[in-house]
Amino acid sequence: MGAGIKVEKLNAYFGNTQALHGIDLEVSANHATAIIGPSGCGKSTFIRCINRMHETNPIARAEGKVMIGNTDIYGNGTTPVEVRRRIGMVFQKANPFPTMTIYDNVASGLKLNGSQTTSRWMRWWRRR
């Protein structure tokens, strides 16, 4: 069973520059939705706000409400890690975390979820 997404009055900033202006959107559970627009219009910023990747940039911030099912992802007590475990992102181009090595980027999802395959994968990687 999926969870719907409801976005209300979402604003996103990079420093003093506002990138998103009062976005409202509702996506029903178990439905695919495409975000389409020209380069630089805020598509990636919007999607990054939905899974809280926007805040990995130290000068970025978001305001507004994003509900995934009954969970306010910006509400008190909801951590970015909890959100990112449920909401993934696929990028058109490689987009590693800039402060991490490629190895750490690849292994981070396994480590965060405590996967038992992590140790096997890490041993294989080190033998290469």
C-alpha atoms as a PDB file:
ATOM      1  CA  MET A   1       0.000   0.000   0.000  1.00  0.00           C
ATOM      2  CA  GLY A   2       1.398   3.394  -0.973  1.00  0.00           C
ATOM      3  CA  ALA A   3       1.171   6.791   0.636  1.00  0.00           C
ATOM      4  CA  GLY A   4      -0.077   9.951  -0.994  1.00  0.00           C
ATOM      5  CA  ILE A   5       1.902  13.180  -1.099  1.00  0.00           C
ATOM      6  CA  LYS A   6       0.439  16.549  -0.195  1.00  0.00           C
ATOM      7  CA  VAL A   7       2.520  19.711  -0.536  1.00  0.00           C
ATOM      8  CA  GLU A   8       1.221  23.029   0.825  1.00  0.00           C
ATOM      9  CA  LYS A   9       2.793  26.471   0.411  1.00  0.00           C
ATOM     10  CA  LEU A  10       6.288  25.064  -0.174  1.00  0.00           C
ATOM     11  CA  ASN A  11       9.001  27.692  -0.508  1.00  0.00           C
ATOM     12  CA  ALA A  12      12.660  26.817  -1.001  1.00  0.00           C
ATOM     13  CA  TYR A  13      15.664  29.097  -0.692  1.00  0.00           C
ATOM     14  CA  PHE A  14      19.365  29.094  -1.431  1.00  0.00           C
ATOM     15  CA  GLY A  15      20.628  31.793   0.898  1.00  0.00           C
ATOM     16  CA  ASN A  16      18.454  34.843   0.192  1.00  0.00           C
ATOM     17  CA  THR A  17      17.401  33.619  -3.264  1.00  0.00           C
ATOM     18  CA  GLN A  18      13.955  32.061  -3.377  1.00  0.00           C
ATOM     19  CA  ALA A  19      13.843  29.104  -5.779  1.00  0.00           C
ATOM     20  CA  LEU A  20      10.305  27.826  -5.136  1.00  0.00           C
ATOM     21  CA  HIS A  21       7.305  30.074  -4.494  1.00  0.00           C
ATOM     22  CA  GLY A  22       4.290  28.687  -2.635  1.00  0.00           C
ATOM     23  CA  ILE A  23       4.014  25.288  -4.354  1.00  0.00           C
ATOM     24  CA  ASP A  24       0.792  23.329  -3.733  1.00  0.00           C
ATOM     25  CA  LEU A  25       0.462  19.788  -5.099  1.00  0.00           C
ATOM     26  CA  GLU A  26      -1.431  16.649  -4.218  1.00  0.00           C
ATOM     27  CA  VAL A  27      -0.528  13.201  -5.557  1.00  0.00           C
ATOM     28  CA  SER A  28      -2.793  10.266  -4.732  1.00  0.00           C
ATOM     29  CA  ALA A  29      -1.287   7.086  -3.335  1.00  0.00           C
ATOM     30  CA  ASN A  30      -0.107   4.558  -5.936  1.00  0.00           C
ATOM     31  CA  HIS A  31      -0.076   7.073  -8.797  1.00  0.00           C
ATOM     32  CA  ALA A  32       2.872   8.159 -10.909  1.00  0.00           C
ATOM     33  CA  THR A  33       3.314  11.871 -11.513  1.00  0.00           C
ATOM     34  CA  ALA A  34       5.757  13.624 -13.823  1.00  0.00           C
ATOM     35  CA  ILE A  35       7.301  16.984 -12.978  1.00  0.00           C
ATOM     36  CA  ILE A  36       7.999  18.647 -16.321  1.00  0.00           C
ATOM     37  CA  GLY A  37       9.428  22.070 -17.117  1.00  0.00           C
ATOM     38  CA  PRO A  38      12.326  23.959 -18.647  1.00  0.00           C
ATOM     39  CA  SER A  39      15.845  23.892 -17.298  1.00  0.00           C
ATOM     40  CA  GLY A  40      16.254  25.957 -14.156  1.00  0.00           C
ATOM     41  CA  CYS A  41      12.555  26.165 -13.256  1.00  0.00           C
ATOM     42  CA  GLY A  42      12.912  24.343  -9.905  1.00  0.00           C
ATOM     43  CA  LYS A  43      11.937  20.742 -10.717  1.00  0.00           C
ATOM     44  CA  SER A  44      14.960  19.196  -9.008  1.00  0.00           C
ATOM     45  CA  THR A  45      14.744  21.599  -6.073  1.00  0.00           C
ATOM     46  CA  PHE A  46      11.096  20.640  -5.586  1.00  0.00           C
ATOM     47  CA  ILE A  47      11.849  16.918  -5.657  1.00  0.00           C
ATOM     48  CA  ARG A  48      14.827  17.411  -3.339  1.00  0.00           C
ATOM     49  CA  CYS A  49      12.491  19.132  -0.870  1.00  0.00           C
ATOM     50  CA  ILE A  50      10.124  16.151  -0.932  1.00  0.00           C
ATOM     51  CA  ASN A  51      12.824  13.794   0.322  1.00  0.00           C
ATOM     52  CA  ARG A  52      14.697  16.421   2.377  1.00  0.00           C
ATOM     53  CA  MET A  53      17.815  16.356   0.210  1.00  0.00           C
ATOM     54  CA  HIS A  54      17.504  20.129  -0.210  1.00  0.00           C
ATOM     55  CA  GLU A  55      18.814  20.671   3.290  1.00  0.00           C
ATOM     56  CA  THR A  56      22.093  18.852   2.536  1.00  0.00           C
ATOM     57  CA  ASN A  57      23.173  22.208   1.068  1.00  0.00           C
ATOM     58  CA  PRO A  58      24.297  24.349   4.042  1.00  0.00           C
ATOM     59  CA  ILE A  59      22.753  27.568   2.667  1.00  0.00           C
ATOM     60  CA  ALA A  60      19.464  25.954   1.628  1.00  0.00           C
ATOM     61  CA  ARG A  61      16.211  25.880   3.550  1.00  0.00           C
ATOM     62  CA  ALA A  62      12.585  25.007   2.908  1.00  0.00           C
ATOM     63  CA  GLU A  63       9.344  26.308   4.390  1.00  0.00           C
ATOM     64  CA  GLY A  64       5.839  24.940   4.093  1.00  0.00           C
ATOM     65  CA  LYS A  65       4.238  21.580   4.660  1.00  0.00           C
ATOM     66  CA  VAL A  66       4.977  18.260   2.967  1.00  0.00           C
ATOM     67  CA  MET A  67       2.862  15.292   4.026  1.00  0.00           C
ATOM     68  CA  ILE A  68       3.702  11.720   3.025  1.00  0.00           C
ATOM     69  CA  GLY A  69       0.652   9.775   4.089  1.00  0.00           C
ATOM     70  CA  ASN A  70      -0.004  11.009   7.623  1.00  0.00           C
ATOM     71  CA  THR A  71       3.596  12.079   8.263  1.00  0.00           C
ATOM     72  CA  ASP A  72       4.659  15.726   8.125  1.00  0.00           C
ATOM     73  CA  ILE A  73       8.216  15.233   6.859  1.00  0.00           C
ATOM     74  CA  TYR A  74       9.299  18.641   8.186  1.00  0.00           C
ATOM     75  CA  GLY A  75       7.446  18.164  11.474  1.00  0.00           C
ATOM     76  CA  ASN A  76       9.028  17.786  14.870  1.00  0.00           C
ATOM     77  CA  GLY A  77      10.522  14.369  15.415  1.00  0.00           C
ATOM     78  CA  THR A  78      10.803  13.385  11.737  1.00  0.00           C
ATOM     79  CA  THR A  79      14.448  12.993  10.763  1.00  0.00           C
ATOM     80  CA  PRO A  80      15.813  13.292   7.215  1.00  0.00           C
ATOM     81  CA  VAL A  81      17.096   9.716   7.429  1.00  0.00           C
ATOM     82  CA  GLU A  82      13.587   8.401   8.162  1.00  0.00           C
ATOM     83  CA  VAL A  83      12.238  10.312   5.170  1.00  0.00           C
ATOM     84  CA  ARG A  84      14.997   9.197   2.793  1.00  0.00           C
ATOM     85  CA  ARG A  85      14.442   5.542   3.720  1.00  0.00           C
ATOM     86  CA  ARG A  86      10.946   5.839   2.241  1.00  0.00           C
ATOM     87  CA  ILE A  87      11.536   8.307  -0.589  1.00  0.00           C
ATOM     88  CA  GLY A  88      14.324   7.692  -3.074  1.00  0.00           C
ATOM     89  CA  MET A  89      15.613   9.785  -5.931  1.00  0.00           C
ATOM     90  CA  VAL A  90      16.943   8.857  -9.349  1.00  0.00           C
ATOM     91  CA  PHE A  91      19.170  11.393 -11.061  1.00  0.00           C
ATOM     92  CA  GLN A  92      19.704  11.975 -14.758  1.00  0.00           C
ATOM     93  CA  LYS A  93      23.432  12.341 -14.124  1.00  0.00           C
ATOM     94  CA  ALA A  94      25.612  10.972 -11.337  1.00  0.00           C
ATOM     95  CA  ASN A  95      25.038  13.122  -8.271  1.00  0.00           C
ATOM     96  CA  PRO A  96      27.166  11.880  -5.347  1.00  0.00           C
ATOM     97  CA  PHE A  97      27.240  13.652  -2.006  1.00  0.00           C
ATOM     98  CA  PRO A  98      30.153  16.069  -2.458  1.00  0.00           C
ATOM     99  CA  THR A  99      31.578  15.549   1.030  1.00  0.00           C
ATOM    100  CA  MET A 100      31.762  11.755   0.681  1.00  0.00           C
ATOM    101  CA  THR A 101      33.953   9.402  -1.348  1.00  0.00           C
ATOM    102  CA  ILE A 102      32.309   7.368  -4.118  1.00  0.00           C
ATOM    103  CA  TYR A 103      32.649   4.276  -1.921  1.00  0.00           C
ATOM    104  CA  ASP A 104      30.881   6.046   0.962  1.00  0.00           C
ATOM    105  CA  ASN A 105      28.166   7.282  -1.414  1.00  0.00           C
ATOM    106  CA  VAL A 106      27.467   3.746  -2.630  1.00  0.00           C
ATOM    107  CA  ALA A 107      27.630   2.148   0.815  1.00  0.00           C
ATOM    108  CA  SER A 108      25.653   4.827   2.675  1.00  0.00           C
ATOM    109  CA  GLY A 109      22.219   3.389   1.891  1.00  0.00           C
ATOM    110  CA  LEU A 110      23.278  -0.059   3.029  1.00  0.00           C
ATOM    111  CA  LYS A 111      24.875   1.300   6.200  1.00  0.00           C
ATOM    112  CA  LEU A 112      21.902   3.496   7.124  1.00  0.00           C
ATOM    113  CA  ASN A 113      19.520   0.572   6.809  1.00  0.00           C
ATOM    114  CA  GLY A 114      21.799  -1.858   8.652  1.00  0.00           C
ATOM    115  CA  SER A 115      21.749  -4.252   5.737  1.00  0.00           C
ATOM    116  CA  GLN A 116      23.362  -7.618   6.371  1.00  0.00           C
ATOM    117  CA  THR A 117      24.739  -7.491   2.850  1.00  0.00           C
ATOM    118  CA  THR A 118      26.760  -4.417   3.789  1.00  0.00           C
ATOM    119  CA  SER A 119      29.651  -6.341   5.300  1.00  0.00           C
ATOM    120  CA  ARG A 120      29.801  -8.786   2.359  1.00  0.00           C
ATOM    121  CA  TRP A 121      29.720  -5.902  -0.107  1.00  0.00           C
ATOM    122  CA  MET A 122      32.402  -4.002   1.809  1.00  0.00           C
ATOM    123  CA  ARG A 123      34.682  -7.062   1.877  1.00  0.00           C
ATOM    124  CA  TRP A 124      34.217  -7.533  -1.876  1.00  0.00           C
ATOM    125  CA  TRP A 125      34.945  -3.841  -2.543  1.00  0.00           C
ATOM    126  CA  ARG A 126      38.163  -3.904  -0.525  1.00  0.00           C
ATOM    127  CA  ARG A 127      39.440  -6.992  -2.385  1.00  0.00           C
ATOM    128  CA  ARG A 128      39.140  -5.276  -5.766  1.00  0.00           C
END
